[in-house]
Amino acid sequence: MENTLFDYLSKYIKLTHNEKKAIIDLDIFKQFKKGTLILRKGQFSDYGYFVIKGCLRCYYIIDGNEKNTAFYTEAESFEPVCKIDKKASEYFVSCVEDSILVVANSEMEKSIFEKFPKFETLCRILTEELLIKSKSEFDNFKTSSPEQRYLTMLQKRPDLIQRVPQHQLASFLGVKPQSLSRLRARILKKK
């Protein structure tokens, strides 16, 4: 588990043996079963997550219907808004699959930043990358048709097709499950 995290971090910084040991000593690797809710609407949380293995989904429940807004898979991090703004969560986060996550709170982060200041720089870089990615995905969603969104997902996140139930994918793409079935059939027919 640690190697997955360290391989990811090595793209940005070189870790010493002491830095790796300090991370391992935090006891941040947690396992969750498929279906586990790790955040509920109305809950306060001070935890951020990094997916070692598995898939998380974020969703709202509006008029009794789930509206999926994001999926996080291996080597992706997720910081709930409620961790940052200190307000109750407005959405849910659950495990689509059995998952292994790095789970860290603000105190753990502060401790690491004090011992190893380069981690604070790393977090800034990762936050900037996440902001750019989120902005790009939001713009793409707002300016594309459902078919274009589906084709983009096939190109950029093809693993979601096999890992996520169709009704959740449909919600994520902003269509009804029946519309997604028709859309897929139409795309297959074009090929």
C-alpha atoms as a PDB file:
ATOM      1  CA  MET A   1       0.000   0.000   0.000  1.00  0.00           C
ATOM      2  CA  GLU A   2       2.707   2.426   0.960  1.00  0.00           C
ATOM      3  CA  ASN A   3       4.522   1.917  -2.339  1.00  0.00           C
ATOM      4  CA  THR A   4       1.499   3.092  -4.324  1.00  0.00           C
ATOM      5  CA  LEU A   5       1.433   6.330  -2.347  1.00  0.00           C
ATOM      6  CA  PHE A   6       5.202   6.782  -2.500  1.00  0.00           C
ATOM      7  CA  ASP A   7       5.280   6.118  -6.257  1.00  0.00           C
ATOM      8  CA  TYR A   8       2.626   8.773  -6.742  1.00  0.00           C
ATOM      9  CA  LEU A   9       4.448  11.300  -4.538  1.00  0.00           C
ATOM     10  CA  SER A  10       7.752  10.594  -6.310  1.00  0.00           C
ATOM     11  CA  LYS A  11       6.349  12.278  -9.428  1.00  0.00           C
ATOM     12  CA  TYR A  12       6.563  15.530  -7.461  1.00  0.00           C
ATOM     13  CA  ILE A  13       9.191  15.178  -4.724  1.00  0.00           C
ATOM     14  CA  LYS A  14      11.967  12.842  -3.623  1.00  0.00           C
ATOM     15  CA  LEU A  15      11.232  11.245  -0.257  1.00  0.00           C
ATOM     16  CA  THR A  16      13.894  10.348   2.267  1.00  0.00           C
ATOM     17  CA  HIS A  17      13.707   7.238   4.409  1.00  0.00           C
ATOM     18  CA  ASN A  18      12.740   9.400   7.441  1.00  0.00           C
ATOM     19  CA  GLU A  19       9.908  11.082   5.488  1.00  0.00           C
ATOM     20  CA  LYS A  20       8.531   7.725   4.366  1.00  0.00           C
ATOM     21  CA  LYS A  21       8.735   6.384   7.924  1.00  0.00           C
ATOM     22  CA  ALA A  22       6.937   9.474   9.290  1.00  0.00           C
ATOM     23  CA  ILE A  23       4.090   8.898   6.823  1.00  0.00           C
ATOM     24  CA  ILE A  24       3.834   5.194   7.650  1.00  0.00           C
ATOM     25  CA  ASP A  25       3.842   5.980  11.392  1.00  0.00           C
ATOM     26  CA  LEU A  26       0.710   8.107  10.962  1.00  0.00           C
ATOM     27  CA  ASP A  27      -1.363   4.935  10.423  1.00  0.00           C
ATOM     28  CA  ILE A  28      -3.262   6.492   7.510  1.00  0.00           C
ATOM     29  CA  PHE A  29      -4.064   3.396   5.428  1.00  0.00           C
ATOM     30  CA  LYS A  30      -7.682   2.296   5.915  1.00  0.00           C
ATOM     31  CA  GLN A  31      -9.813  -0.384   4.249  1.00  0.00           C
ATOM     32  CA  PHE A  32     -13.508   0.095   3.442  1.00  0.00           C
ATOM     33  CA  LYS A  33     -16.078  -2.354   2.115  1.00  0.00           C
ATOM     34  CA  LYS A  34     -18.144  -1.711  -1.011  1.00  0.00           C
ATOM     35  CA  GLY A  35     -21.152   0.434  -0.131  1.00  0.00           C
ATOM     36  CA  THR A  36     -19.565   2.043   2.935  1.00  0.00           C
ATOM     37  CA  LEU A  37     -20.602   5.665   3.390  1.00  0.00           C
ATOM     38  CA  ILE A  38     -17.496   7.597   4.366  1.00  0.00           C
ATOM     39  CA  LEU A  39     -19.305  10.941   4.440  1.00  0.00           C
ATOM     40  CA  ARG A  40     -22.994  11.738   4.891  1.00  0.00           C
ATOM     41  CA  LYS A  41     -24.947  14.858   4.118  1.00  0.00           C
ATOM     42  CA  GLY A  42     -25.104  16.952   7.283  1.00  0.00           C
ATOM     43  CA  GLN A  43     -21.924  15.427   8.705  1.00  0.00           C
ATOM     44  CA  PHE A  44     -18.855  17.430   9.623  1.00  0.00           C
ATOM     45  CA  SER A  45     -15.505  15.945   8.626  1.00  0.00           C
ATOM     46  CA  ASP A  46     -11.877  16.921   8.929  1.00  0.00           C
ATOM     47  CA  TYR A  47     -10.579  14.118   6.693  1.00  0.00           C
ATOM     48  CA  GLY A  48      -9.089  14.080   3.223  1.00  0.00           C
ATOM     49  CA  TYR A  49      -8.677  10.929   1.131  1.00  0.00           C
ATOM     50  CA  PHE A  50      -6.302   9.430  -1.411  1.00  0.00           C
ATOM     51  CA  VAL A  51      -7.382   6.298  -3.272  1.00  0.00           C
ATOM     52  CA  ILE A  52      -4.813   3.503  -3.193  1.00  0.00           C
ATOM     53  CA  LYS A  53      -7.257   0.913  -4.547  1.00  0.00           C
ATOM     54  CA  GLY A  54     -10.964   1.106  -5.311  1.00  0.00           C
ATOM     55  CA  CYS A  55     -13.487   3.722  -6.343  1.00  0.00           C
ATOM     56  CA  LEU A  56     -15.328   6.470  -4.452  1.00  0.00           C
ATOM     57  CA  ARG A  57     -18.347   8.390  -5.644  1.00  0.00           C
ATOM     58  CA  CYS A  58     -19.744  11.738  -4.567  1.00  0.00           C
ATOM     59  CA  TYR A  59     -23.458  12.305  -4.859  1.00  0.00           C
ATOM     60  CA  TYR A  60     -26.340  14.467  -3.754  1.00  0.00           C
ATOM     61  CA  ILE A  61     -29.864  13.278  -3.096  1.00  0.00           C
ATOM     62  CA  ILE A  62     -32.301  15.700  -4.708  1.00  0.00           C
ATOM     63  CA  ASP A  63     -36.037  15.003  -4.639  1.00  0.00           C
ATOM     64  CA  GLY A  64     -35.251  11.406  -3.708  1.00  0.00           C
ATOM     65  CA  ASN A  65     -32.894  10.896  -6.670  1.00  0.00           C
ATOM     66  CA  GLU A  66     -29.135  10.398  -6.505  1.00  0.00           C
ATOM     67  CA  LYS A  67     -27.147  12.915  -8.554  1.00  0.00           C
ATOM     68  CA  ASN A  68     -23.584  11.653  -8.992  1.00  0.00           C
ATOM     69  CA  THR A  69     -21.018  14.404  -9.396  1.00  0.00           C
ATOM     70  CA  ALA A  70     -17.626  12.669  -9.236  1.00  0.00           C
ATOM     71  CA  PHE A  71     -15.797   9.366  -9.134  1.00  0.00           C
ATOM     72  CA  TYR A  72     -12.334   8.978  -7.636  1.00  0.00           C
ATOM     73  CA  THR A  73     -10.154   5.981  -8.478  1.00  0.00           C
ATOM     74  CA  GLU A  74      -6.546   4.910  -7.948  1.00  0.00           C
ATOM     75  CA  ALA A  75      -4.006   7.706  -7.440  1.00  0.00           C
ATOM     76  CA  GLU A  76      -6.675  10.379  -7.071  1.00  0.00           C
ATOM     77  CA  SER A  77      -7.210  12.521  -4.005  1.00  0.00           C
ATOM     78  CA  PHE A  78     -10.414  13.943  -2.618  1.00  0.00           C
ATOM     79  CA  GLU A  79     -10.841  16.787  -0.128  1.00  0.00           C
ATOM     80  CA  PRO A  80     -14.460  17.240   0.945  1.00  0.00           C
ATOM     81  CA  VAL A  81     -15.623  20.846   0.891  1.00  0.00           C
ATOM     82  CA  CYS A  82     -16.733  20.491   4.527  1.00  0.00           C
ATOM     83  CA  LYS A  83     -13.105  19.884   5.543  1.00  0.00           C
ATOM     84  CA  ILE A  84     -12.151  23.253   4.141  1.00  0.00           C
ATOM     85  CA  ASP A  85     -15.178  25.430   4.951  1.00  0.00           C
ATOM     86  CA  LYS A  86     -15.929  23.754   8.321  1.00  0.00           C
ATOM     87  CA  LYS A  87     -19.638  23.476   7.468  1.00  0.00           C
ATOM     88  CA  ALA A  88     -21.806  20.373   7.311  1.00  0.00           C
ATOM     89  CA  SER A  89     -21.411  18.329   4.142  1.00  0.00           C
ATOM     90  CA  GLU A  90     -24.030  18.918   1.462  1.00  0.00           C
ATOM     91  CA  TYR A  91     -23.371  15.566  -0.216  1.00  0.00           C
ATOM     92  CA  PHE A  92     -22.552  11.913   0.365  1.00  0.00           C
ATOM     93  CA  VAL A  93     -19.373   9.967  -0.421  1.00  0.00           C
ATOM     94  CA  SER A  94     -19.465   6.173  -0.666  1.00  0.00           C
ATOM     95  CA  CYS A  95     -17.286   3.303  -1.835  1.00  0.00           C
ATOM     96  CA  VAL A  96     -18.350   1.849  -5.189  1.00  0.00           C
ATOM     97  CA  GLU A  97     -15.906  -1.021  -4.607  1.00  0.00           C
ATOM     98  CA  ASP A  98     -13.922  -2.442  -1.704  1.00  0.00           C
ATOM     99  CA  SER A  99     -11.343   0.295  -1.241  1.00  0.00           C
ATOM    100  CA  ILE A 100      -8.020   1.051   0.398  1.00  0.00           C
ATOM    101  CA  LEU A 101      -7.653   4.740   1.161  1.00  0.00           C
ATOM    102  CA  VAL A 102      -5.147   7.061   2.728  1.00  0.00           C
ATOM    103  CA  VAL A 103      -7.193   8.946   5.315  1.00  0.00           C
ATOM    104  CA  ALA A 104      -5.634  12.003   6.955  1.00  0.00           C
ATOM    105  CA  ASN A 105      -6.987  14.857   9.029  1.00  0.00           C
ATOM    106  CA  SER A 106      -5.756  18.428   9.431  1.00  0.00           C
ATOM    107  CA  GLU A 107      -3.727  17.614  12.576  1.00  0.00           C
ATOM    108  CA  MET A 108      -1.834  14.878  10.744  1.00  0.00           C
ATOM    109  CA  GLU A 109      -1.155  17.228   7.833  1.00  0.00           C
ATOM    110  CA  LYS A 110       0.001  19.997  10.175  1.00  0.00           C
ATOM    111  CA  SER A 111       2.377  17.598  11.932  1.00  0.00           C
ATOM    112  CA  ILE A 112       3.913  16.461   8.635  1.00  0.00           C
ATOM    113  CA  PHE A 113       4.170  20.064   7.342  1.00  0.00           C
ATOM    114  CA  GLU A 114       6.036  21.099  10.505  1.00  0.00           C
ATOM    115  CA  LYS A 115       8.479  18.190  10.297  1.00  0.00           C
ATOM    116  CA  PHE A 116       8.879  18.276   6.519  1.00  0.00           C
ATOM    117  CA  PRO A 117       8.022  21.680   4.947  1.00  0.00           C
ATOM    118  CA  LYS A 118       8.314  20.366   1.399  1.00  0.00           C
ATOM    119  CA  PHE A 119       5.004  18.518   1.921  1.00  0.00           C
ATOM    120  CA  GLU A 120       3.219  21.844   2.206  1.00  0.00           C
ATOM    121  CA  THR A 121       4.650  22.835  -1.170  1.00  0.00           C
ATOM    122  CA  LEU A 122       3.587  19.460  -2.559  1.00  0.00           C
ATOM    123  CA  CYS A 123       0.023  20.004  -1.303  1.00  0.00           C
ATOM    124  CA  ARG A 124      -0.097  23.413  -2.974  1.00  0.00           C
ATOM    125  CA  ILE A 125       1.020  21.903  -6.289  1.00  0.00           C
ATOM    126  CA  LEU A 126      -1.512  19.068  -6.015  1.00  0.00           C
ATOM    127  CA  THR A 127      -4.283  21.531  -5.123  1.00  0.00           C
ATOM    128  CA  GLU A 128      -3.461  23.651  -8.172  1.00  0.00           C
ATOM    129  CA  GLU A 129      -3.555  20.563 -10.415  1.00  0.00           C
ATOM    130  CA  LEU A 130      -6.879  19.480  -8.920  1.00  0.00           C
ATOM    131  CA  LEU A 131      -8.338  22.958  -9.402  1.00  0.00           C
ATOM    132  CA  ILE A 132      -7.305  23.002 -13.070  1.00  0.00           C
ATOM    133  CA  LYS A 133      -8.709  19.502 -13.618  1.00  0.00           C
ATOM    134  CA  SER A 134     -12.001  20.368 -11.892  1.00  0.00           C
ATOM    135  CA  LYS A 135     -12.396  23.579 -13.887  1.00  0.00           C
ATOM    136  CA  SER A 136     -11.714  21.759 -17.149  1.00  0.00           C
ATOM    137  CA  GLU A 137     -14.200  18.967 -16.313  1.00  0.00           C
ATOM    138  CA  PHE A 138     -16.867  21.490 -15.274  1.00  0.00           C
ATOM    139  CA  ASP A 139     -16.416  23.522 -18.471  1.00  0.00           C
ATOM    140  CA  ASN A 140     -16.538  20.345 -20.564  1.00  0.00           C
ATOM    141  CA  PHE A 141     -19.740  19.222 -18.832  1.00  0.00           C
ATOM    142  CA  LYS A 142     -21.441  22.599 -19.323  1.00  0.00           C
ATOM    143  CA  THR A 143     -20.485  22.948 -22.990  1.00  0.00           C
ATOM    144  CA  SER A 144     -20.973  19.418 -24.310  1.00  0.00           C
ATOM    145  CA  SER A 145     -23.885  17.179 -25.201  1.00  0.00           C
ATOM    146  CA  PRO A 146     -24.537  13.930 -23.306  1.00  0.00           C
ATOM    147  CA  GLU A 147     -23.028  12.014 -26.215  1.00  0.00           C
ATOM    148  CA  GLN A 148     -19.888  14.147 -26.129  1.00  0.00           C
ATOM    149  CA  ARG A 149     -19.656  13.694 -22.347  1.00  0.00           C
ATOM    150  CA  TYR A 150     -19.944   9.918 -22.768  1.00  0.00           C
ATOM    151  CA  LEU A 151     -17.273   9.860 -25.496  1.00  0.00           C
ATOM    152  CA  THR A 152     -14.977  11.985 -23.326  1.00  0.00           C
ATOM    153  CA  MET A 153     -15.489   9.558 -20.448  1.00  0.00           C
ATOM    154  CA  LEU A 154     -14.687   6.633 -22.769  1.00  0.00           C
ATOM    155  CA  GLN A 155     -11.479   8.381 -23.773  1.00  0.00           C
ATOM    156  CA  LYS A 156     -10.330   9.705 -20.384  1.00  0.00           C
ATOM    157  CA  ARG A 157     -11.919   7.321 -17.844  1.00  0.00           C
ATOM    158  CA  PRO A 158     -12.761   4.054 -19.678  1.00  0.00           C
ATOM    159  CA  ASP A 159     -12.380   2.035 -16.466  1.00  0.00           C
ATOM    160  CA  LEU A 160     -15.558   3.623 -15.077  1.00  0.00           C
ATOM    161  CA  ILE A 161     -17.659   1.718 -17.634  1.00  0.00           C
ATOM    162  CA  GLN A 162     -16.718  -1.597 -15.989  1.00  0.00           C
ATOM    163  CA  ARG A 163     -16.540  -0.375 -12.405  1.00  0.00           C
ATOM    164  CA  VAL A 164     -19.604   1.809 -11.928  1.00  0.00           C
ATOM    165  CA  PRO A 165     -23.264   0.733 -12.259  1.00  0.00           C
ATOM    166  CA  GLN A 166     -24.985   2.142 -15.342  1.00  0.00           C
ATOM    167  CA  HIS A 167     -27.571   4.147 -13.366  1.00  0.00           C
ATOM    168  CA  GLN A 168     -24.742   5.944 -11.504  1.00  0.00           C
ATOM    169  CA  LEU A 169     -22.886   6.640 -14.770  1.00  0.00           C
ATOM    170  CA  ALA A 170     -26.083   7.990 -16.313  1.00  0.00           C
ATOM    171  CA  SER A 171     -26.563  10.363 -13.382  1.00  0.00           C
ATOM    172  CA  PHE A 172     -22.910  11.446 -13.628  1.00  0.00           C
ATOM    173  CA  LEU A 173     -23.399  12.229 -17.328  1.00  0.00           C
ATOM    174  CA  GLY A 174     -26.639  14.105 -16.640  1.00  0.00           C
ATOM    175  CA  VAL A 175     -29.016  11.659 -18.364  1.00  0.00           C
ATOM    176  CA  LYS A 176     -31.554   8.999 -17.392  1.00  0.00           C
ATOM    177  CA  PRO A 177     -30.385   5.341 -17.511  1.00  0.00           C
ATOM    178  CA  GLN A 178     -32.680   4.656 -20.501  1.00  0.00           C
ATOM    179  CA  SER A 179     -31.124   7.598 -22.361  1.00  0.00           C
ATOM    180  CA  LEU A 180     -27.648   6.259 -21.653  1.00  0.00           C
ATOM    181  CA  SER A 181     -28.645   2.864 -23.091  1.00  0.00           C
ATOM    182  CA  ARG A 182     -29.949   4.548 -26.273  1.00  0.00           C
ATOM    183  CA  LEU A 183     -26.866   6.741 -26.482  1.00  0.00           C
ATOM    184  CA  ARG A 184     -24.556   3.711 -26.199  1.00  0.00           C
ATOM    185  CA  ALA A 185     -26.546   1.860 -28.876  1.00  0.00           C
ATOM    186  CA  ARG A 186     -26.345   4.879 -31.183  1.00  0.00           C
ATOM    187  CA  ILE A 187     -22.556   5.120 -30.724  1.00  0.00           C
ATOM    188  CA  LEU A 188     -22.110   1.384 -31.374  1.00  0.00           C
ATOM    189  CA  LYS A 189     -24.210   1.665 -34.520  1.00  0.00           C
ATOM    190  CA  LYS A 190     -21.930   4.442 -35.861  1.00  0.00           C
ATOM    191  CA  LYS A 191     -18.832   2.258 -35.508  1.00  0.00           C
END
